[in-house]
Amino acid sequence: TENLNPNLQTILNRIQGSIITKKAEPLPHRQPFKTAAVRF
């Protein structure tokens, strides 16, 4: 985490989706079935 610089955070938000948005994808280990549906 300490190496997650602002530039890298900007890139990840663009290609991964921001964790503070409602559209963030579910986490596999917490919602495996929902994750599978989203990925398919």
PDB file of all heavy atoms in Angstrom:
ATOM      1  N   THR A   1       0.811  -1.212   0.000  1.00  0.00           N
ATOM      2  CA  THR A   1       0.000   0.000   0.000  1.00  0.00           C
ATOM      3  C   THR A   1       0.847   1.266   0.000  1.00  0.00           C
ATOM      4  O   THR A   1       0.527   2.249  -0.671  1.00  0.00           O
ATOM      5  CB  THR A   1      -0.925   0.008   1.238  1.00  0.00           C
ATOM      6  OG1 THR A   1      -1.734  -1.168   1.209  1.00  0.00           O
ATOM      7  CG2 THR A   1      -1.820   1.226   1.238  1.00  0.00           C
ATOM      8  N   GLU A   2       1.953   1.250   0.720  1.00  0.00           N
ATOM      9  CA  GLU A   2       2.787   2.452   0.819  1.00  0.00           C
ATOM     10  C   GLU A   2       3.434   2.823  -0.516  1.00  0.00           C
ATOM     11  O   GLU A   2       3.900   3.949  -0.694  1.00  0.00           O
ATOM     12  CB  GLU A   2       3.875   2.249   1.872  1.00  0.00           C
ATOM     13  CG  GLU A   2       4.867   1.147   1.540  1.00  0.00           C
ATOM     14  CD  GLU A   2       5.870   0.918   2.660  1.00  0.00           C
ATOM     15  OE1 GLU A   2       5.639   1.421   3.768  1.00  0.00           O
ATOM     16  OE2 GLU A   2       6.882   0.249   2.399  1.00  0.00           O
ATOM     17  N   ASN A   3       3.443   1.876  -1.472  1.00  0.00           N
ATOM     18  CA  ASN A   3       4.004   2.149  -2.792  1.00  0.00           C
ATOM     19  C   ASN A   3       2.940   2.501  -3.831  1.00  0.00           C
ATOM     20  O   ASN A   3       3.250   2.667  -5.007  1.00  0.00           O
ATOM     21  CB  ASN A   3       4.789   0.935  -3.293  1.00  0.00           C
ATOM     22  CG  ASN A   3       5.863   0.497  -2.321  1.00  0.00           C
ATOM     23  OD1 ASN A   3       5.846  -0.620  -1.829  1.00  0.00           O
ATOM     24  ND2 ASN A   3       6.788   1.396  -2.008  1.00  0.00           N
ATOM     25  N   LEU A   4       1.707   2.634  -3.387  1.00  0.00           N
ATOM     26  CA  LEU A   4       0.608   2.964  -4.284  1.00  0.00           C
ATOM     27  C   LEU A   4       0.555   4.489  -4.444  1.00  0.00           C
ATOM     28  O   LEU A   4      -0.207   5.184  -3.781  1.00  0.00           O
ATOM     29  CB  LEU A   4      -0.708   2.433  -3.729  1.00  0.00           C
ATOM     30  CG  LEU A   4      -1.892   2.339  -4.679  1.00  0.00           C
ATOM     31  CD1 LEU A   4      -1.604   1.384  -5.821  1.00  0.00           C
ATOM     32  CD2 LEU A   4      -3.136   1.877  -3.922  1.00  0.00           C
ATOM     33  N   ASN A   5       1.385   5.017  -5.352  1.00  0.00           N
ATOM     34  CA  ASN A   5       1.503   6.463  -5.529  1.00  0.00           C
ATOM     35  C   ASN A   5       0.285   7.039  -6.239  1.00  0.00           C
ATOM     36  O   ASN A   5      -0.490   6.300  -6.875  1.00  0.00           O
ATOM     37  CB  ASN A   5       2.789   6.793  -6.303  1.00  0.00           C
ATOM     38  CG  ASN A   5       2.800   6.159  -7.683  1.00  0.00           C
ATOM     39  OD1 ASN A   5       1.992   6.497  -8.552  1.00  0.00           O
ATOM     40  ND2 ASN A   5       3.726   5.223  -7.914  1.00  0.00           N
ATOM     41  N   PRO A   6       0.080   8.373  -6.174  1.00  0.00           N
ATOM     42  CA  PRO A   6      -1.102   8.998  -6.796  1.00  0.00           C
ATOM     43  C   PRO A   6      -1.235   8.704  -8.287  1.00  0.00           C
ATOM     44  O   PRO A   6      -2.352   8.502  -8.778  1.00  0.00           O
ATOM     45  CB  PRO A   6      -0.861  10.495  -6.546  1.00  0.00           C
ATOM     46  CG  PRO A   6      -0.030  10.532  -5.304  1.00  0.00           C
ATOM     47  CD  PRO A   6       0.879   9.344  -5.407  1.00  0.00           C
ATOM     48  N   ASN A   7      -0.127   8.675  -9.015  1.00  0.00           N
ATOM     49  CA  ASN A   7      -0.202   8.393 -10.444  1.00  0.00           C
ATOM     50  C   ASN A   7      -0.741   6.981 -10.689  1.00  0.00           C
ATOM     51  O   ASN A   7      -1.583   6.760 -11.562  1.00  0.00           O
ATOM     52  CB  ASN A   7       1.176   8.532 -11.086  1.00  0.00           C
ATOM     53  CG  ASN A   7       1.139   8.322 -12.593  1.00  0.00           C
ATOM     54  OD1 ASN A   7       0.382   8.976 -13.296  1.00  0.00           O
ATOM     55  ND2 ASN A   7       1.964   7.405 -13.092  1.00  0.00           N
ATOM     56  N   LEU A   8      -0.252   6.035  -9.898  1.00  0.00           N
ATOM     57  CA  LEU A   8      -0.702   4.656 -10.027  1.00  0.00           C
ATOM     58  C   LEU A   8      -2.165   4.514  -9.617  1.00  0.00           C
ATOM     59  O   LEU A   8      -2.933   3.775 -10.243  1.00  0.00           O
ATOM     60  CB  LEU A   8       0.172   3.745  -9.167  1.00  0.00           C
ATOM     61  CG  LEU A   8       0.117   2.248  -9.447  1.00  0.00           C
ATOM     62  CD1 LEU A   8       0.332   1.960 -10.934  1.00  0.00           C
ATOM     63  CD2 LEU A   8       1.150   1.525  -8.605  1.00  0.00           C
ATOM     64  N   GLN A   9      -2.566   5.240  -8.592  1.00  0.00           N
ATOM     65  CA  GLN A   9      -3.963   5.216  -8.177  1.00  0.00           C
ATOM     66  C   GLN A   9      -4.873   5.722  -9.286  1.00  0.00           C
ATOM     67  O   GLN A   9      -5.952   5.175  -9.531  1.00  0.00           O
ATOM     68  CB  GLN A   9      -4.153   6.050  -6.913  1.00  0.00           C
ATOM     69  CG  GLN A   9      -3.613   5.377  -5.652  1.00  0.00           C
ATOM     70  CD  GLN A   9      -3.869   6.205  -4.412  1.00  0.00           C
ATOM     71  OE1 GLN A   9      -3.623   7.411  -4.399  1.00  0.00           O
ATOM     72  NE2 GLN A   9      -4.366   5.571  -3.370  1.00  0.00           N
ATOM     73  N   THR A  10      -4.432   6.775  -9.976  1.00  0.00           N
ATOM     74  CA  THR A  10      -5.224   7.329 -11.085  1.00  0.00           C
ATOM     75  C   THR A  10      -5.388   6.301 -12.197  1.00  0.00           C
ATOM     76  O   THR A  10      -6.477   6.108 -12.748  1.00  0.00           O
ATOM     77  CB  THR A  10      -4.546   8.590 -11.647  1.00  0.00           C
ATOM     78  OG1 THR A  10      -4.449   9.578 -10.613  1.00  0.00           O
ATOM     79  CG2 THR A  10      -5.334   9.153 -12.824  1.00  0.00           C
ATOM     80  N   ILE A  11      -4.296   5.597 -12.518  1.00  0.00           N
ATOM     81  CA  ILE A  11      -4.349   4.572 -13.562  1.00  0.00           C
ATOM     82  C   ILE A  11      -5.301   3.446 -13.165  1.00  0.00           C
ATOM     83  O   ILE A  11      -6.151   3.020 -13.958  1.00  0.00           O
ATOM     84  CB  ILE A  11      -2.944   4.004 -13.829  1.00  0.00           C
ATOM     85  CG1 ILE A  11      -2.026   5.083 -14.407  1.00  0.00           C
ATOM     86  CG2 ILE A  11      -3.013   2.817 -14.789  1.00  0.00           C
ATOM     87  CD1 ILE A  11      -0.574   4.653 -14.542  1.00  0.00           C
ATOM     88  N   LEU A  12      -5.189   2.979 -11.942  1.00  0.00           N
ATOM     89  CA  LEU A  12      -6.025   1.874 -11.483  1.00  0.00           C
ATOM     90  C   LEU A  12      -7.491   2.268 -11.415  1.00  0.00           C
ATOM     91  O   LEU A  12      -8.381   1.468 -11.732  1.00  0.00           O
ATOM     92  CB  LEU A  12      -5.541   1.377 -10.120  1.00  0.00           C
ATOM     93  CG  LEU A  12      -4.194   0.657 -10.124  1.00  0.00           C
ATOM     94  CD1 LEU A  12      -3.741   0.353  -8.702  1.00  0.00           C
ATOM     95  CD2 LEU A  12      -4.270  -0.635 -10.927  1.00  0.00           C
ATOM     96  N   ASN A  13      -7.768   3.504 -10.994  1.00  0.00           N
ATOM     97  CA  ASN A  13      -9.150   3.965 -10.966  1.00  0.00           C
ATOM     98  C   ASN A  13      -9.754   3.973 -12.369  1.00  0.00           C
ATOM     99  O   ASN A  13     -10.944   3.724 -12.557  1.00  0.00           O
ATOM    100  CB  ASN A  13      -9.239   5.365 -10.372  1.00  0.00           C
ATOM    101  CG  ASN A  13      -9.120   5.355  -8.854  1.00  0.00           C
ATOM    102  OD1 ASN A  13      -9.345   4.329  -8.219  1.00  0.00           O
ATOM    103  ND2 ASN A  13      -8.772   6.481  -8.274  1.00  0.00           N
ATOM    104  N   ARG A  14      -8.915   4.253 -13.348  1.00  0.00           N
ATOM    105  CA  ARG A  14      -9.400   4.327 -14.728  1.00  0.00           C
ATOM    106  C   ARG A  14      -9.662   2.940 -15.307  1.00  0.00           C
ATOM    107  O   ARG A  14     -10.642   2.737 -16.023  1.00  0.00           O
ATOM    108  CB  ARG A  14      -8.393   5.076 -15.602  1.00  0.00           C
ATOM    109  CG  ARG A  14      -8.901   5.338 -17.023  1.00  0.00           C
ATOM    110  CD  ARG A  14      -8.011   6.310 -17.775  1.00  0.00           C
ATOM    111  NE  ARG A  14      -6.685   5.767 -18.017  1.00  0.00           N
ATOM    112  CZ  ARG A  14      -5.564   6.221 -17.467  1.00  0.00           C
ATOM    113  NH1 ARG A  14      -5.614   7.231 -16.619  1.00  0.00           N
ATOM    114  NH2 ARG A  14      -4.396   5.674 -17.740  1.00  0.00           N
ATOM    115  N   ILE A  15      -8.790   1.974 -14.985  1.00  0.00           N
ATOM    116  CA  ILE A  15      -8.930   0.653 -15.612  1.00  0.00           C
ATOM    117  C   ILE A  15      -9.591  -0.376 -14.706  1.00  0.00           C
ATOM    118  O   ILE A  15     -10.047  -1.409 -15.177  1.00  0.00           O
ATOM    119  CB  ILE A  15      -7.557   0.105 -16.069  1.00  0.00           C
ATOM    120  CG1 ILE A  15      -6.645  -0.147 -14.859  1.00  0.00           C
ATOM    121  CG2 ILE A  15      -6.887   1.046 -17.052  1.00  0.00           C
ATOM    122  CD1 ILE A  15      -5.325  -0.802 -15.221  1.00  0.00           C
ATOM    123  N   GLN A  16      -9.675  -0.109 -13.402  1.00  0.00           N
ATOM    124  CA  GLN A  16     -10.263  -1.063 -12.469  1.00  0.00           C
ATOM    125  C   GLN A  16     -11.603  -0.581 -11.913  1.00  0.00           C
ATOM    126  O   GLN A  16     -12.408  -1.380 -11.455  1.00  0.00           O
ATOM    127  CB  GLN A  16      -9.316  -1.295 -11.294  1.00  0.00           C
ATOM    128  CG  GLN A  16      -8.071  -2.081 -11.624  1.00  0.00           C
ATOM    129  CD  GLN A  16      -8.377  -3.546 -11.845  1.00  0.00           C
ATOM    130  OE1 GLN A  16      -8.114  -4.081 -12.890  1.00  0.00           O
ATOM    131  NE2 GLN A  16      -8.940  -4.200 -10.862  1.00  0.00           N
ATOM    132  N   GLY A  17     -11.803   0.725 -11.902  1.00  0.00           N
ATOM    133  CA  GLY A  17     -12.971   1.259 -11.233  1.00  0.00           C
ATOM    134  C   GLY A  17     -12.620   1.679  -9.824  1.00  0.00           C
ATOM    135  O   GLY A  17     -11.902   0.999  -9.115  1.00  0.00           O
ATOM    136  N   SER A  18     -13.095   2.831  -9.414  1.00  0.00           N
ATOM    137  CA  SER A  18     -12.779   3.342  -8.082  1.00  0.00           C
ATOM    138  C   SER A  18     -13.515   2.542  -7.021  1.00  0.00           C
ATOM    139  O   SER A  18     -14.686   2.195  -7.178  1.00  0.00           O
ATOM    140  CB  SER A  18     -13.173   4.822  -7.976  1.00  0.00           C
ATOM    141  OG  SER A  18     -13.032   5.281  -6.652  1.00  0.00           O
ATOM    142  N   ILE A  19     -12.840   2.259  -5.907  1.00  0.00           N
ATOM    143  CA  ILE A  19     -13.473   1.493  -4.831  1.00  0.00           C
ATOM    144  C   ILE A  19     -14.544   2.309  -4.119  1.00  0.00           C
ATOM    145  O   ILE A  19     -15.340   1.748  -3.365  1.00  0.00           O
ATOM    146  CB  ILE A  19     -12.432   1.026  -3.792  1.00  0.00           C
ATOM    147  CG1 ILE A  19     -11.723   2.224  -3.160  1.00  0.00           C
ATOM    148  CG2 ILE A  19     -11.433   0.086  -4.414  1.00  0.00           C
ATOM    149  CD1 ILE A  19     -10.813   1.830  -2.018  1.00  0.00           C
ATOM    150  N   ILE A  20     -14.606   3.607  -4.365  1.00  0.00           N
ATOM    151  CA  ILE A  20     -15.608   4.426  -3.682  1.00  0.00           C
ATOM    152  C   ILE A  20     -16.859   4.599  -4.532  1.00  0.00           C
ATOM    153  O   ILE A  20     -17.814   5.222  -4.097  1.00  0.00           O
ATOM    154  CB  ILE A  20     -15.030   5.811  -3.299  1.00  0.00           C
ATOM    155  CG1 ILE A  20     -14.625   6.601  -4.551  1.00  0.00           C
ATOM    156  CG2 ILE A  20     -13.860   5.664  -2.367  1.00  0.00           C
ATOM    157  CD1 ILE A  20     -14.185   8.032  -4.231  1.00  0.00           C
ATOM    158  N   THR A  21     -16.868   4.067  -5.737  1.00  0.00           N
ATOM    159  CA  THR A  21     -18.063   4.168  -6.578  1.00  0.00           C
ATOM    160  C   THR A  21     -18.971   2.980  -6.318  1.00  0.00           C
ATOM    161  O   THR A  21     -18.551   1.920  -5.880  1.00  0.00           O
ATOM    162  CB  THR A  21     -17.696   4.181  -8.073  1.00  0.00           C
ATOM    163  OG1 THR A  21     -17.176   2.911  -8.432  1.00  0.00           O
ATOM    164  CG2 THR A  21     -16.682   5.265  -8.370  1.00  0.00           C
ATOM    165  N   LYS A  22     -20.256   3.164  -6.627  1.00  0.00           N
ATOM    166  CA  LYS A  22     -21.224   2.101  -6.412  1.00  0.00           C
ATOM    167  C   LYS A  22     -21.066   0.983  -7.448  1.00  0.00           C
ATOM    168  O   LYS A  22     -21.617  -0.090  -7.280  1.00  0.00           O
ATOM    169  CB  LYS A  22     -22.638   2.674  -6.474  1.00  0.00           C
ATOM    170  CG  LYS A  22     -22.964   3.625  -5.317  1.00  0.00           C
ATOM    171  CD  LYS A  22     -24.395   4.121  -5.394  1.00  0.00           C
ATOM    172  CE  LYS A  22     -24.720   5.050  -4.225  1.00  0.00           C
ATOM    173  NZ  LYS A  22     -26.102   5.546  -4.281  1.00  0.00           N
ATOM    174  N   LYS A  23     -20.331   1.256  -8.511  1.00  0.00           N
ATOM    175  CA  LYS A  23     -20.177   0.274  -9.575  1.00  0.00           C
ATOM    176  C   LYS A  23     -18.947  -0.617  -9.381  1.00  0.00           C
ATOM    177  O   LYS A  23     -18.600  -1.378 -10.262  1.00  0.00           O
ATOM    178  CB  LYS A  23     -20.090   0.985 -10.926  1.00  0.00           C
ATOM    179  CG  LYS A  23     -21.378   1.705 -11.317  1.00  0.00           C
ATOM    180  CD  LYS A  23     -21.252   2.332 -12.698  1.00  0.00           C
ATOM    181  CE  LYS A  23     -22.548   3.023 -13.097  1.00  0.00           C
ATOM    182  NZ  LYS A  23     -22.452   3.652 -14.434  1.00  0.00           N
ATOM    183  N   ALA A  24     -18.311  -0.484  -8.239  1.00  0.00           N
ATOM    184  CA  ALA A  24     -17.127  -1.309  -7.990  1.00  0.00           C
ATOM    185  C   ALA A  24     -17.497  -2.780  -8.053  1.00  0.00           C
ATOM    186  O   ALA A  24     -18.546  -3.194  -7.572  1.00  0.00           O
ATOM    187  CB  ALA A  24     -16.527  -0.964  -6.636  1.00  0.00           C
ATOM    188  N   GLU A  25     -16.631  -3.587  -8.655  1.00  0.00           N
ATOM    189  CA  GLU A  25     -16.907  -5.008  -8.772  1.00  0.00           C
ATOM    190  C   GLU A  25     -16.813  -5.698  -7.411  1.00  0.00           C
ATOM    191  O   GLU A  25     -16.065  -5.260  -6.540  1.00  0.00           O
ATOM    192  CB  GLU A  25     -15.921  -5.652  -9.746  1.00  0.00           C
ATOM    193  CG  GLU A  25     -16.124  -5.239 -11.193  1.00  0.00           C
ATOM    194  CD  GLU A  25     -15.279  -6.064 -12.147  1.00  0.00           C
ATOM    195  OE1 GLU A  25     -14.658  -7.045 -11.678  1.00  0.00           O
ATOM    196  OE2 GLU A  25     -15.235  -5.722 -13.324  1.00  0.00           O
ATOM    197  N   PRO A  26     -17.567  -6.767  -7.226  1.00  0.00           N
ATOM    198  CA  PRO A  26     -17.487  -7.512  -5.961  1.00  0.00           C
ATOM    199  C   PRO A  26     -16.121  -8.161  -5.813  1.00  0.00           C
ATOM    200  O   PRO A  26     -15.451  -8.467  -6.797  1.00  0.00           O
ATOM    201  CB  PRO A  26     -18.592  -8.564  -6.109  1.00  0.00           C
ATOM    202  CG  PRO A  26     -18.747  -8.738  -7.589  1.00  0.00           C
ATOM    203  CD  PRO A  26     -18.505  -7.387  -8.180  1.00  0.00           C
ATOM    204  N   LEU A  27     -15.720  -8.387  -4.576  1.00  0.00           N
ATOM    205  CA  LEU A  27     -14.453  -9.047  -4.304  1.00  0.00           C
ATOM    206  C   LEU A  27     -14.657 -10.560  -4.308  1.00  0.00           C
ATOM    207  O   LEU A  27     -15.592 -11.059  -3.683  1.00  0.00           O
ATOM    208  CB  LEU A  27     -13.900  -8.596  -2.951  1.00  0.00           C
ATOM    209  CG  LEU A  27     -13.490  -7.129  -2.863  1.00  0.00           C
ATOM    210  CD1 LEU A  27     -13.109  -6.771  -1.426  1.00  0.00           C
ATOM    211  CD2 LEU A  27     -12.325  -6.845  -3.794  1.00  0.00           C
ATOM    212  N   PRO A  28     -13.799 -11.300  -5.001  1.00  0.00           N
ATOM    213  CA  PRO A  28     -13.994 -12.755  -5.149  1.00  0.00           C
ATOM    214  C   PRO A  28     -14.152 -13.503  -3.835  1.00  0.00           C
ATOM    215  O   PRO A  28     -15.012 -14.376  -3.713  1.00  0.00           O
ATOM    216  CB  PRO A  28     -12.734 -13.193  -5.898  1.00  0.00           C
ATOM    217  CG  PRO A  28     -12.277 -11.983  -6.633  1.00  0.00           C
ATOM    218  CD  PRO A  28     -12.620 -10.824  -5.743  1.00  0.00           C
ATOM    219  N   HIS A  29     -13.333 -13.170  -2.831  1.00  0.00           N
ATOM    220  CA  HIS A  29     -13.366 -13.953  -1.597  1.00  0.00           C
ATOM    221  C   HIS A  29     -14.554 -13.605  -0.709  1.00  0.00           C
ATOM    222  O   HIS A  29     -14.872 -14.348   0.218  1.00  0.00           O
ATOM    223  CB  HIS A  29     -12.057 -13.771  -0.818  1.00  0.00           C
ATOM    224  CG  HIS A  29     -11.828 -12.389  -0.306  1.00  0.00           C
ATOM    225  ND1 HIS A  29     -11.468 -11.341  -1.125  1.00  0.00           N
ATOM    226  CD2 HIS A  29     -11.905 -11.879   0.949  1.00  0.00           C
ATOM    227  CE1 HIS A  29     -11.320 -10.251  -0.395  1.00  0.00           C
ATOM    228  NE2 HIS A  29     -11.577 -10.555   0.859  1.00  0.00           N
ATOM    229  N   ARG A  30     -15.220 -12.485  -1.000  1.00  0.00           N
ATOM    230  CA  ARG A  30     -16.383 -12.103  -0.200  1.00  0.00           C
ATOM    231  C   ARG A  30     -17.696 -12.437  -0.904  1.00  0.00           C
ATOM    232  O   ARG A  30     -18.675 -12.789  -0.252  1.00  0.00           O
ATOM    233  CB  ARG A  30     -16.320 -10.609   0.127  1.00  0.00           C
ATOM    234  CG  ARG A  30     -15.178 -10.255   1.068  1.00  0.00           C
ATOM    235  CD  ARG A  30     -15.168  -8.786   1.398  1.00  0.00           C
ATOM    236  NE  ARG A  30     -14.061  -8.453   2.299  1.00  0.00           N
ATOM    237  CZ  ARG A  30     -13.726  -7.210   2.631  1.00  0.00           C
ATOM    238  NH1 ARG A  30     -14.403  -6.188   2.144  1.00  0.00           N
ATOM    239  NH2 ARG A  30     -12.714  -6.996   3.442  1.00  0.00           N
ATOM    240  N   GLN A  31     -17.733 -12.286  -2.219  1.00  0.00           N
ATOM    241  CA  GLN A  31     -18.943 -12.566  -2.993  1.00  0.00           C
ATOM    242  C   GLN A  31     -18.582 -13.388  -4.231  1.00  0.00           C
ATOM    243  O   GLN A  31     -18.644 -12.901  -5.355  1.00  0.00           O
ATOM    244  CB  GLN A  31     -19.614 -11.256  -3.404  1.00  0.00           C
ATOM    245  CG  GLN A  31     -20.110 -10.410  -2.224  1.00  0.00           C
ATOM    246  CD  GLN A  31     -20.655  -9.069  -2.691  1.00  0.00           C
ATOM    247  OE1 GLN A  31     -19.923  -8.207  -3.168  1.00  0.00           O
ATOM    248  NE2 GLN A  31     -21.962  -8.905  -2.571  1.00  0.00           N
ATOM    249  N   PRO A  32     -18.196 -14.636  -4.039  1.00  0.00           N
ATOM    250  CA  PRO A  32     -17.726 -15.449  -5.172  1.00  0.00           C
ATOM    251  C   PRO A  32     -18.772 -15.662  -6.257  1.00  0.00           C
ATOM    252  O   PRO A  32     -18.444 -15.640  -7.448  1.00  0.00           O
ATOM    253  CB  PRO A  32     -17.314 -16.771  -4.517  1.00  0.00           C
ATOM    254  CG  PRO A  32     -18.050 -16.803  -3.215  1.00  0.00           C
ATOM    255  CD  PRO A  32     -18.146 -15.392  -2.772  1.00  0.00           C
ATOM    256  N   PHE A  33     -20.039 -15.869  -5.872  1.00  0.00           N
ATOM    257  CA  PHE A  33     -21.067 -16.126  -6.879  1.00  0.00           C
ATOM    258  C   PHE A  33     -21.367 -14.858  -7.681  1.00  0.00           C
ATOM    259  O   PHE A  33     -21.524 -14.907  -8.908  1.00  0.00           O
ATOM    260  CB  PHE A  33     -22.344 -16.637  -6.217  1.00  0.00           C
ATOM    261  CG  PHE A  33     -22.167 -17.956  -5.501  1.00  0.00           C
ATOM    262  CD1 PHE A  33     -22.885 -18.252  -4.361  1.00  0.00           C
ATOM    263  CD2 PHE A  33     -21.271 -18.908  -5.977  1.00  0.00           C
ATOM    264  CE1 PHE A  33     -22.730 -19.464  -3.706  1.00  0.00           C
ATOM    265  CE2 PHE A  33     -21.100 -20.128  -5.331  1.00  0.00           C
ATOM    266  CZ  PHE A  33     -21.830 -20.400  -4.188  1.00  0.00           C
ATOM    267  N   LYS A  34     -21.439 -13.727  -7.004  1.00  0.00           N
ATOM    268  CA  LYS A  34     -21.686 -12.472  -7.704  1.00  0.00           C
ATOM    269  C   LYS A  34     -20.503 -12.126  -8.606  1.00  0.00           C
ATOM    270  O   LYS A  34     -20.671 -11.630  -9.722  1.00  0.00           O
ATOM    271  CB  LYS A  34     -21.934 -11.344  -6.701  1.00  0.00           C
ATOM    272  CG  LYS A  34     -22.397 -10.050  -7.361  1.00  0.00           C
ATOM    273  CD  LYS A  34     -22.814  -9.020  -6.328  1.00  0.00           C
ATOM    274  CE  LYS A  34     -23.329  -7.748  -7.016  1.00  0.00           C
ATOM    275  NZ  LYS A  34     -23.752  -6.729  -6.015  1.00  0.00           N
ATOM    276  N   THR A  35     -19.293 -12.413  -8.128  1.00  0.00           N
ATOM    277  CA  THR A  35     -18.101 -12.170  -8.930  1.00  0.00           C
ATOM    278  C   THR A  35     -18.143 -12.989 -10.210  1.00  0.00           C
ATOM    279  O   THR A  35     -17.837 -12.502 -11.300  1.00  0.00           O
ATOM    280  CB  THR A  35     -16.833 -12.525  -8.134  1.00  0.00           C
ATOM    281  OG1 THR A  35     -16.766 -11.704  -6.964  1.00  0.00           O
ATOM    282  CG2 THR A  35     -15.586 -12.307  -8.970  1.00  0.00           C
ATOM    283  N   ALA A  36     -18.534 -14.259 -10.091  1.00  0.00           N
ATOM    284  CA  ALA A  36     -18.613 -15.134 -11.260  1.00  0.00           C
ATOM    285  C   ALA A  36     -19.620 -14.600 -12.268  1.00  0.00           C
ATOM    286  O   ALA A  36     -19.370 -14.607 -13.484  1.00  0.00           O
ATOM    287  CB  ALA A  36     -18.988 -16.550 -10.826  1.00  0.00           C
ATOM    288  N   ALA A  37     -20.770 -14.114 -11.783  1.00  0.00           N
ATOM    289  CA  ALA A  37     -21.794 -13.575 -12.681  1.00  0.00           C
ATOM    290  C   ALA A  37     -21.296 -12.326 -13.403  1.00  0.00           C
ATOM    291  O   ALA A  37     -21.490 -12.172 -14.623  1.00  0.00           O
ATOM    292  CB  ALA A  37     -23.066 -13.262 -11.887  1.00  0.00           C
ATOM    293  N   VAL A  38     -20.628 -11.451 -12.664  1.00  0.00           N
ATOM    294  CA  VAL A  38     -20.115 -10.212 -13.255  1.00  0.00           C
ATOM    295  C   VAL A  38     -19.044 -10.514 -14.308  1.00  0.00           C
ATOM    296  O   VAL A  38     -19.032  -9.930 -15.390  1.00  0.00           O
ATOM    297  CB  VAL A  38     -19.550  -9.293 -12.152  1.00  0.00           C
ATOM    298  CG1 VAL A  38     -18.739  -8.143 -12.766  1.00  0.00           C
ATOM    299  CG2 VAL A  38     -20.678  -8.735 -11.292  1.00  0.00           C
ATOM    300  N   ARG A  39     -18.168 -11.457 -13.996  1.00  0.00           N
ATOM    301  CA  ARG A  39     -17.070 -11.764 -14.922  1.00  0.00           C
ATOM    302  C   ARG A  39     -17.581 -12.468 -16.189  1.00  0.00           C
ATOM    303  O   ARG A  39     -17.065 -12.226 -17.277  1.00  0.00           O
ATOM    304  CB  ARG A  39     -16.012 -12.608 -14.212  1.00  0.00           C
ATOM    305  CG  ARG A  39     -15.289 -11.825 -13.131  1.00  0.00           C
ATOM    306  CD  ARG A  39     -14.087 -12.573 -12.613  1.00  0.00           C
ATOM    307  NE  ARG A  39     -13.404 -11.814 -11.575  1.00  0.00           N
ATOM    308  CZ  ARG A  39     -12.279 -12.184 -10.987  1.00  0.00           C
ATOM    309  NH1 ARG A  39     -11.704 -13.319 -11.352  1.00  0.00           N
ATOM    310  NH2 ARG A  39     -11.725 -11.448 -10.053  1.00  0.00           N
ATOM    311  N   PHE A  40     -18.580 -13.319 -16.030  1.00  0.00           N
ATOM    312  CA  PHE A  40     -19.118 -13.956 -17.233  1.00  0.00           C
ATOM    313  C   PHE A  40     -19.823 -12.924 -18.104  1.00  0.00           C
ATOM    314  O   PHE A  40     -19.748 -12.981 -19.339  1.00  0.00           O
ATOM    315  CB  PHE A  40     -20.081 -15.083 -16.882  1.00  0.00           C
ATOM    316  CG  PHE A  40     -20.544 -15.850 -18.091  1.00  0.00           C
ATOM    317  CD1 PHE A  40     -19.747 -16.848 -18.645  1.00  0.00           C
ATOM    318  CD2 PHE A  40     -21.754 -15.554 -18.696  1.00  0.00           C
ATOM    319  CE1 PHE A  40     -20.157 -17.536 -19.780  1.00  0.00           C
ATOM    320  CE2 PHE A  40     -22.168 -16.241 -19.831  1.00  0.00           C
ATOM    321  CZ  PHE A  40     -21.366 -17.233 -20.373  1.00  0.00           C
TER     322      PHE A  40
END
